[in-house]
Every structure is written in structure tokens, then in C-alpha cells.
Amino acid sequence: AQEMHTNFRAERKSDIEMYESKLKDTVHDEL
């Protein structure tokens, strides 16, 4: 999350796919 945070863009499909597969719907994401 810290690594992605520095350069995460909603327009980049690869960023969205990584977020959805690794971080979305996790405990900290829900908080």
C-alpha cells in the first residue's frame, strides 16, 4: 500500500488491477 500510494493512478489499468487483487476489501481498506 505504501509503495502504490506514491504513484497510484485511477487511469492506469495495471494500478487498478493490482489494487483490486491485493488491497481491495482488506481490513485496512474497509477501515
ModelCIF file with pLDDT and N, C-alpha, C, O atoms, coordinates in Angstrom:
data_MODEL
#
_entry.id   MODEL 
#
_entity.id                         1 
_entity.type                       polymer 
_entity.pdbx_number_of_molecules   1 
#
_entity_poly.entity_id                      1 
_entity_poly.type                           'polypeptide(L)' 
_entity_poly.nstd_linkage                   no 
_entity_poly.nstd_monomer                   no 
_entity_poly.pdbx_seq_one_letter_code       AQEMHTNFRAERKSDIEMYESKLKDTVHDEL 
_entity_poly.pdbx_seq_one_letter_code_can   AQEMHTNFRAERKSDIEMYESKLKDTVHDEL 
_entity_poly.pdbx_strand_id                 A 
#
loop_
_entity_poly_seq.entity_id 
_entity_poly_seq.num 
_entity_poly_seq.mon_id 
_entity_poly_seq.hetero 
1 1  ALA n 
1 2  GLN n 
1 3  GLU n 
1 4  MET n 
1 5  HIS n 
1 6  THR n 
1 7  ASN n 
1 8  PHE n 
1 9  ARG n 
1 10 ALA n 
1 11 GLU n 
1 12 ARG n 
1 13 LYS n 
1 14 SER n 
1 15 ASP n 
1 16 ILE n 
1 17 GLU n 
1 18 MET n 
1 19 TYR n 
1 20 GLU n 
1 21 SER n 
1 22 LYS n 
1 23 LEU n 
1 24 LYS n 
1 25 ASP n 
1 26 THR n 
1 27 VAL n 
1 28 HIS n 
1 29 ASP n 
1 30 GLU n 
1 31 LEU n 
#
_struct_asym.id          A 
_struct_asym.entity_id   1 
#
loop_
_ma_qa_metric.id 
_ma_qa_metric.mode 
_ma_qa_metric.name 
_ma_qa_metric.software_group_id 
_ma_qa_metric.type 
1 global pLDDT . pLDDT 
2 local  pLDDT . pLDDT 
#
_ma_qa_metric_global.metric_id      1 
_ma_qa_metric_global.metric_value   96.71 
_ma_qa_metric_global.model_id       1 
_ma_qa_metric_global.ordinal_id     1 
#
loop_
_ma_qa_metric_local.label_asym_id 
_ma_qa_metric_local.label_comp_id 
_ma_qa_metric_local.label_seq_id 
_ma_qa_metric_local.metric_id 
_ma_qa_metric_local.metric_value 
_ma_qa_metric_local.model_id 
_ma_qa_metric_local.ordinal_id 
A ALA 1  2 97.00 1 1  
A GLN 2  2 97.00 1 2  
A GLU 3  2 96.00 1 3  
A MET 4  2 96.00 1 4  
A HIS 5  2 95.00 1 5  
A THR 6  2 91.00 1 6  
A ASN 7  2 94.00 1 7  
A PHE 8  2 96.00 1 8  
A ARG 9  2 96.00 1 9  
A ALA 10 2 95.00 1 10 
A GLU 11 2 95.00 1 11 
A ARG 12 2 96.00 1 12 
A LYS 13 2 96.00 1 13 
A SER 14 2 97.00 1 14 
A ASP 15 2 97.00 1 15 
A ILE 16 2 98.00 1 16 
A GLU 17 2 97.00 1 17 
A MET 18 2 97.00 1 18 
A TYR 19 2 98.00 1 19 
A GLU 20 2 98.00 1 20 
A SER 21 2 97.00 1 21 
A LYS 22 2 97.00 1 22 
A LEU 23 2 98.00 1 23 
A LYS 24 2 98.00 1 24 
A ASP 25 2 98.00 1 25 
A THR 26 2 98.00 1 26 
A VAL 27 2 98.00 1 27 
A HIS 28 2 98.00 1 28 
A ASP 29 2 98.00 1 29 
A GLU 30 2 98.00 1 30 
A LEU 31 2 98.00 1 31 
#
loop_
_atom_site.group_PDB 
_atom_site.id 
_atom_site.type_symbol 
_atom_site.label_atom_id 
_atom_site.label_alt_id 
_atom_site.label_comp_id 
_atom_site.label_asym_id 
_atom_site.label_entity_id 
_atom_site.label_seq_id 
_atom_site.pdbx_PDB_ins_code 
_atom_site.Cartn_x 
_atom_site.Cartn_y 
_atom_site.Cartn_z 
_atom_site.occupancy 
_atom_site.B_iso_or_equiv 
_atom_site.pdbx_formal_charge 
_atom_site.auth_seq_id 
_atom_site.auth_comp_id 
_atom_site.auth_asym_id 
_atom_site.auth_atom_id 
_atom_site.pdbx_PDB_model_num 
ATOM 1   N N  . ALA A 1 1  ? 0.836   -1.205 0.000   1.00 97.00 ? 1  ALA A N  1 
ATOM 2   C CA . ALA A 1 1  ? 0.000   0.000  0.000   1.00 97.00 ? 1  ALA A CA 1 
ATOM 3   C C  . ALA A 1 1  ? 0.868   1.252  0.000   1.00 97.00 ? 1  ALA A C  1 
ATOM 4   O O  . ALA A 1 1  ? 0.598   2.201  -0.736  1.00 97.00 ? 1  ALA A O  1 
ATOM 5   N N  . GLN A 1 2  ? 1.906   1.254  0.822   1.00 97.00 ? 2  GLN A N  1 
ATOM 6   C CA . GLN A 1 2  ? 2.814   2.405  0.867   1.00 97.00 ? 2  GLN A CA 1 
ATOM 7   C C  . GLN A 1 2  ? 3.497   2.608  -0.476  1.00 97.00 ? 2  GLN A C  1 
ATOM 8   O O  . GLN A 1 2  ? 3.650   3.739  -0.937  1.00 97.00 ? 2  GLN A O  1 
ATOM 9   N N  . GLU A 1 3  ? 3.906   1.510  -1.102  1.00 96.00 ? 3  GLU A N  1 
ATOM 10  C CA . GLU A 1 3  ? 4.581   1.595  -2.394  1.00 96.00 ? 3  GLU A CA 1 
ATOM 11  C C  . GLU A 1 3  ? 3.634   2.114  -3.472  1.00 96.00 ? 3  GLU A C  1 
ATOM 12  O O  . GLU A 1 3  ? 4.007   2.982  -4.262  1.00 96.00 ? 3  GLU A O  1 
ATOM 13  N N  . MET A 1 4  ? 2.412   1.586  -3.507  1.00 96.00 ? 4  MET A N  1 
ATOM 14  C CA . MET A 1 4  ? 1.439   2.015  -4.512  1.00 96.00 ? 4  MET A CA 1 
ATOM 15  C C  . MET A 1 4  ? 1.006   3.460  -4.295  1.00 96.00 ? 4  MET A C  1 
ATOM 16  O O  . MET A 1 4  ? 0.704   4.178  -5.248  1.00 96.00 ? 4  MET A O  1 
ATOM 17  N N  . HIS A 1 5  ? 0.980   3.870  -3.055  1.00 95.00 ? 5  HIS A N  1 
ATOM 18  C CA . HIS A 1 5  ? 0.488   5.196  -2.686  1.00 95.00 ? 5  HIS A CA 1 
ATOM 19  C C  . HIS A 1 5  ? 1.267   6.318  -3.360  1.00 95.00 ? 5  HIS A C  1 
ATOM 20  O O  . HIS A 1 5  ? 0.718   7.387  -3.626  1.00 95.00 ? 5  HIS A O  1 
ATOM 21  N N  . THR A 1 6  ? 2.524   6.080  -3.631  1.00 91.00 ? 6  THR A N  1 
ATOM 22  C CA . THR A 1 6  ? 3.376   7.142  -4.175  1.00 91.00 ? 6  THR A CA 1 
ATOM 23  C C  . THR A 1 6  ? 3.054   7.475  -5.628  1.00 91.00 ? 6  THR A C  1 
ATOM 24  O O  . THR A 1 6  ? 3.345   8.578  -6.090  1.00 91.00 ? 6  THR A O  1 
ATOM 25  N N  . ASN A 1 7  ? 2.454   6.527  -6.353  1.00 94.00 ? 7  ASN A N  1 
ATOM 26  C CA . ASN A 1 7  ? 2.252   6.774  -7.785  1.00 94.00 ? 7  ASN A CA 1 
ATOM 27  C C  . ASN A 1 7  ? 1.001   6.074  -8.324  1.00 94.00 ? 7  ASN A C  1 
ATOM 28  O O  . ASN A 1 7  ? 0.978   5.645  -9.478  1.00 94.00 ? 7  ASN A O  1 
ATOM 29  N N  . PHE A 1 8  ? -0.023  5.960  -7.504  1.00 96.00 ? 8  PHE A N  1 
ATOM 30  C CA . PHE A 1 8  ? -1.240  5.254  -7.907  1.00 96.00 ? 8  PHE A CA 1 
ATOM 31  C C  . PHE A 1 8  ? -2.140  6.173  -8.720  1.00 96.00 ? 8  PHE A C  1 
ATOM 32  O O  . PHE A 1 8  ? -2.411  7.301  -8.310  1.00 96.00 ? 8  PHE A O  1 
ATOM 33  N N  . ARG A 1 9  ? -2.613  5.685  -9.895  1.00 96.00 ? 9  ARG A N  1 
ATOM 34  C CA . ARG A 1 9  ? -3.472  6.491  -10.746 1.00 96.00 ? 9  ARG A CA 1 
ATOM 35  C C  . ARG A 1 9  ? -4.671  5.670  -11.193 1.00 96.00 ? 9  ARG A C  1 
ATOM 36  O O  . ARG A 1 9  ? -4.526  4.539  -11.655 1.00 96.00 ? 9  ARG A O  1 
ATOM 37  N N  . ALA A 1 10 ? -5.855  6.250  -11.052 1.00 95.00 ? 10 ALA A N  1 
ATOM 38  C CA . ALA A 1 10 ? -7.080  5.553  -11.439 1.00 95.00 ? 10 ALA A CA 1 
ATOM 39  C C  . ALA A 1 10 ? -7.142  5.300  -12.934 1.00 95.00 ? 10 ALA A C  1 
ATOM 40  O O  . ALA A 1 10 ? -7.846  4.395  -13.382 1.00 95.00 ? 10 ALA A O  1 
ATOM 41  N N  . GLU A 1 11 ? -6.402  6.100  -13.719 1.00 95.00 ? 11 GLU A N  1 
ATOM 42  C CA . GLU A 1 11 ? -6.433  5.946  -15.169 1.00 95.00 ? 11 GLU A CA 1 
ATOM 43  C C  . GLU A 1 11 ? -5.604  4.762  -15.654 1.00 95.00 ? 11 GLU A C  1 
ATOM 44  O O  . GLU A 1 11 ? -5.755  4.329  -16.797 1.00 95.00 ? 11 GLU A O  1 
ATOM 45  N N  . ARG A 1 12 ? -4.733  4.234  -14.801 1.00 96.00 ? 12 ARG A N  1 
ATOM 46  C CA . ARG A 1 12 ? -3.880  3.129  -15.219 1.00 96.00 ? 12 ARG A CA 1 
ATOM 47  C C  . ARG A 1 12 ? -4.520  1.793  -14.871 1.00 96.00 ? 12 ARG A C  1 
ATOM 48  O O  . ARG A 1 12 ? -4.745  1.486  -13.700 1.00 96.00 ? 12 ARG A O  1 
ATOM 49  N N  . LYS A 1 13 ? -4.808  1.012  -15.887 1.00 96.00 ? 13 LYS A N  1 
ATOM 50  C CA . LYS A 1 13 ? -5.472  -0.271 -15.692 1.00 96.00 ? 13 LYS A CA 1 
ATOM 51  C C  . LYS A 1 13 ? -4.642  -1.188 -14.803 1.00 96.00 ? 13 LYS A C  1 
ATOM 52  O O  . LYS A 1 13 ? -5.194  -1.906 -13.969 1.00 96.00 ? 13 LYS A O  1 
ATOM 53  N N  . SER A 1 14 ? -3.331  -1.172 -14.972 1.00 97.00 ? 14 SER A N  1 
ATOM 54  C CA . SER A 1 14 ? -2.464  -2.048 -14.174 1.00 97.00 ? 14 SER A CA 1 
ATOM 55  C C  . SER A 1 14 ? -2.534  -1.689 -12.692 1.00 97.00 ? 14 SER A C  1 
ATOM 56  O O  . SER A 1 14 ? -2.484  -2.573 -11.837 1.00 97.00 ? 14 SER A O  1 
ATOM 57  N N  . ASP A 1 15 ? -2.650  -0.389 -12.384 1.00 97.00 ? 15 ASP A N  1 
ATOM 58  C CA . ASP A 1 15 ? -2.779  0.046  -10.991 1.00 97.00 ? 15 ASP A CA 1 
ATOM 59  C C  . ASP A 1 15 ? -4.096  -0.455 -10.390 1.00 97.00 ? 15 ASP A C  1 
ATOM 60  O O  . ASP A 1 15 ? -4.136  -0.940 -9.259  1.00 97.00 ? 15 ASP A O  1 
ATOM 61  N N  . ILE A 1 16 ? -5.154  -0.327 -11.162 1.00 98.00 ? 16 ILE A N  1 
ATOM 62  C CA . ILE A 1 16 ? -6.471  -0.767 -10.683 1.00 98.00 ? 16 ILE A CA 1 
ATOM 63  C C  . ILE A 1 16 ? -6.470  -2.273 -10.446 1.00 98.00 ? 16 ILE A C  1 
ATOM 64  O O  . ILE A 1 16 ? -6.974  -2.744 -9.427  1.00 98.00 ? 16 ILE A O  1 
ATOM 65  N N  . GLU A 1 17 ? -5.907  -3.022 -11.379 1.00 97.00 ? 17 GLU A N  1 
ATOM 66  C CA . GLU A 1 17 ? -5.871  -4.482 -11.234 1.00 97.00 ? 17 GLU A CA 1 
ATOM 67  C C  . GLU A 1 17 ? -5.063  -4.893 -10.021 1.00 97.00 ? 17 GLU A C  1 
ATOM 68  O O  . GLU A 1 17 ? -5.454  -5.815 -9.306  1.00 97.00 ? 17 GLU A O  1 
ATOM 69  N N  . MET A 1 18 ? -3.952  -4.233 -9.773  1.00 97.00 ? 18 MET A N  1 
ATOM 70  C CA . MET A 1 18 ? -3.132  -4.542 -8.602  1.00 97.00 ? 18 MET A CA 1 
ATOM 71  C C  . MET A 1 18 ? -3.883  -4.217 -7.315  1.00 97.00 ? 18 MET A C  1 
ATOM 72  O O  . MET A 1 18 ? -3.880  -5.002 -6.366  1.00 97.00 ? 18 MET A O  1 
ATOM 73  N N  . TYR A 1 19 ? -4.517  -3.063 -7.296  1.00 98.00 ? 19 TYR A N  1 
ATOM 74  C CA . TYR A 1 19 ? -5.276  -2.661 -6.107  1.00 98.00 ? 19 TYR A CA 1 
ATOM 75  C C  . TYR A 1 19 ? -6.397  -3.656 -5.816  1.00 98.00 ? 19 TYR A C  1 
ATOM 76  O O  . TYR A 1 19 ? -6.581  -4.076 -4.674  1.00 98.00 ? 19 TYR A O  1 
ATOM 77  N N  . GLU A 1 20 ? -7.138  -4.028 -6.847  1.00 98.00 ? 20 GLU A N  1 
ATOM 78  C CA . GLU A 1 20 ? -8.271  -4.931 -6.652  1.00 98.00 ? 20 GLU A CA 1 
ATOM 79  C C  . GLU A 1 20 ? -7.835  -6.322 -6.223  1.00 98.00 ? 20 GLU A C  1 
ATOM 80  O O  . GLU A 1 20 ? -8.545  -6.987 -5.467  1.00 98.00 ? 20 GLU A O  1 
ATOM 81  N N  . SER A 1 21 ? -6.702  -6.761 -6.684  1.00 97.00 ? 21 SER A N  1 
ATOM 82  C CA . SER A 1 21 ? -6.251  -8.115 -6.357  1.00 97.00 ? 21 SER A CA 1 
ATOM 83  C C  . SER A 1 21 ? -5.515  -8.203 -5.026  1.00 97.00 ? 21 SER A C  1 
ATOM 84  O O  . SER A 1 21 ? -5.492  -9.264 -4.402  1.00 97.00 ? 21 SER A O  1 
ATOM 85  N N  . LYS A 1 22 ? -4.916  -7.100 -4.585  1.00 97.00 ? 22 LYS A N  1 
ATOM 86  C CA . LYS A 1 22 ? -4.051  -7.158 -3.402  1.00 97.00 ? 22 LYS A CA 1 
ATOM 87  C C  . LYS A 1 22 ? -4.554  -6.367 -2.189  1.00 97.00 ? 22 LYS A C  1 
ATOM 88  O O  . LYS A 1 22 ? -4.254  -6.733 -1.053  1.00 97.00 ? 22 LYS A O  1 
ATOM 89  N N  . LEU A 1 23 ? -5.311  -5.295 -2.411  1.00 98.00 ? 23 LEU A N  1 
ATOM 90  C CA . LEU A 1 23 ? -5.644  -4.402 -1.296  1.00 98.00 ? 23 LEU A CA 1 
ATOM 91  C C  . LEU A 1 23 ? -7.140  -4.207 -1.071  1.00 98.00 ? 23 LEU A C  1 
ATOM 92  O O  . LEU A 1 23 ? -7.576  -4.003 0.062   1.00 98.00 ? 23 LEU A O  1 
ATOM 93  N N  . LYS A 1 24 ? -7.922  -4.268 -2.135  1.00 98.00 ? 24 LYS A N  1 
ATOM 94  C CA . LYS A 1 24 ? -9.352  -4.004 -2.007  1.00 98.00 ? 24 LYS A CA 1 
ATOM 95  C C  . LYS A 1 24 ? -10.019 -5.048 -1.108  1.00 98.00 ? 24 LYS A C  1 
ATOM 96  O O  . LYS A 1 24 ? -9.704  -6.236 -1.177  1.00 98.00 ? 24 LYS A O  1 
ATOM 97  N N  . ASP A 1 25 ? -10.943 -4.584 -0.267  1.00 98.00 ? 25 ASP A N  1 
ATOM 98  C CA . ASP A 1 25 ? -11.737 -5.441 0.629   1.00 98.00 ? 25 ASP A CA 1 
ATOM 99  C C  . ASP A 1 25 ? -10.917 -6.085 1.737   1.00 98.00 ? 25 ASP A C  1 
ATOM 100 O O  . ASP A 1 25 ? -11.349 -7.064 2.345   1.00 98.00 ? 25 ASP A O  1 
ATOM 101 N N  . THR A 1 26 ? -9.739  -5.541 1.999   1.00 98.00 ? 26 THR A N  1 
ATOM 102 C CA . THR A 1 26 ? -8.961  -5.980 3.157   1.00 98.00 ? 26 THR A CA 1 
ATOM 103 C C  . THR A 1 26 ? -9.398  -5.184 4.394   1.00 98.00 ? 26 THR A C  1 
ATOM 104 O O  . THR A 1 26 ? -10.152 -4.217 4.284   1.00 98.00 ? 26 THR A O  1 
ATOM 105 N N  . VAL A 1 27 ? -8.929  -5.591 5.539   1.00 98.00 ? 27 VAL A N  1 
ATOM 106 C CA . VAL A 1 27 ? -9.330  -4.930 6.787   1.00 98.00 ? 27 VAL A CA 1 
ATOM 107 C C  . VAL A 1 27 ? -9.030  -3.434 6.740   1.00 98.00 ? 27 VAL A C  1 
ATOM 108 O O  . VAL A 1 27 ? -9.896  -2.613 7.040   1.00 98.00 ? 27 VAL A O  1 
ATOM 109 N N  . HIS A 1 28 ? -7.814  -3.088 6.367   1.00 98.00 ? 28 HIS A N  1 
ATOM 110 C CA . HIS A 1 28 ? -7.424  -1.684 6.388   1.00 98.00 ? 28 HIS A CA 1 
ATOM 111 C C  . HIS A 1 28 ? -8.139  -0.885 5.303   1.00 98.00 ? 28 HIS A C  1 
ATOM 112 O O  . HIS A 1 28 ? -8.427  0.297  5.488   1.00 98.00 ? 28 HIS A O  1 
ATOM 113 N N  . ASP A 1 29 ? -8.422  -1.518 4.186   1.00 98.00 ? 29 ASP A N  1 
ATOM 114 C CA . ASP A 1 29 ? -9.205  -0.876 3.129   1.00 98.00 ? 29 ASP A CA 1 
ATOM 115 C C  . ASP A 1 29 ? -10.612 -0.568 3.617   1.00 98.00 ? 29 ASP A C  1 
ATOM 116 O O  . ASP A 1 29 ? -11.157 0.492  3.308   1.00 98.00 ? 29 ASP A O  1 
ATOM 117 N N  . GLU A 1 30 ? -11.198 -1.475 4.369   1.00 98.00 ? 30 GLU A N  1 
ATOM 118 C CA . GLU A 1 30 ? -12.561 -1.263 4.884   1.00 98.00 ? 30 GLU A CA 1 
ATOM 119 C C  . GLU A 1 30 ? -12.579 -0.182 5.957   1.00 98.00 ? 30 GLU A C  1 
ATOM 120 O O  . GLU A 1 30 ? -13.539 0.584  6.040   1.00 98.00 ? 30 GLU A O  1 
ATOM 121 N N  . LEU A 1 31 ? -11.536 -0.106 6.782   1.00 98.00 ? 31 LEU A N  1 
ATOM 122 C CA . LEU A 1 31 ? -11.469 0.978  7.764   1.00 98.00 ? 31 LEU A CA 1 
ATOM 123 C C  . LEU A 1 31 ? -11.404 2.330  7.052   1.00 98.00 ? 31 LEU A C  1 
ATOM 124 O O  . LEU A 1 31 ? -11.342 3.370  7.707   1.00 98.00 ? 31 LEU A O  1 
#
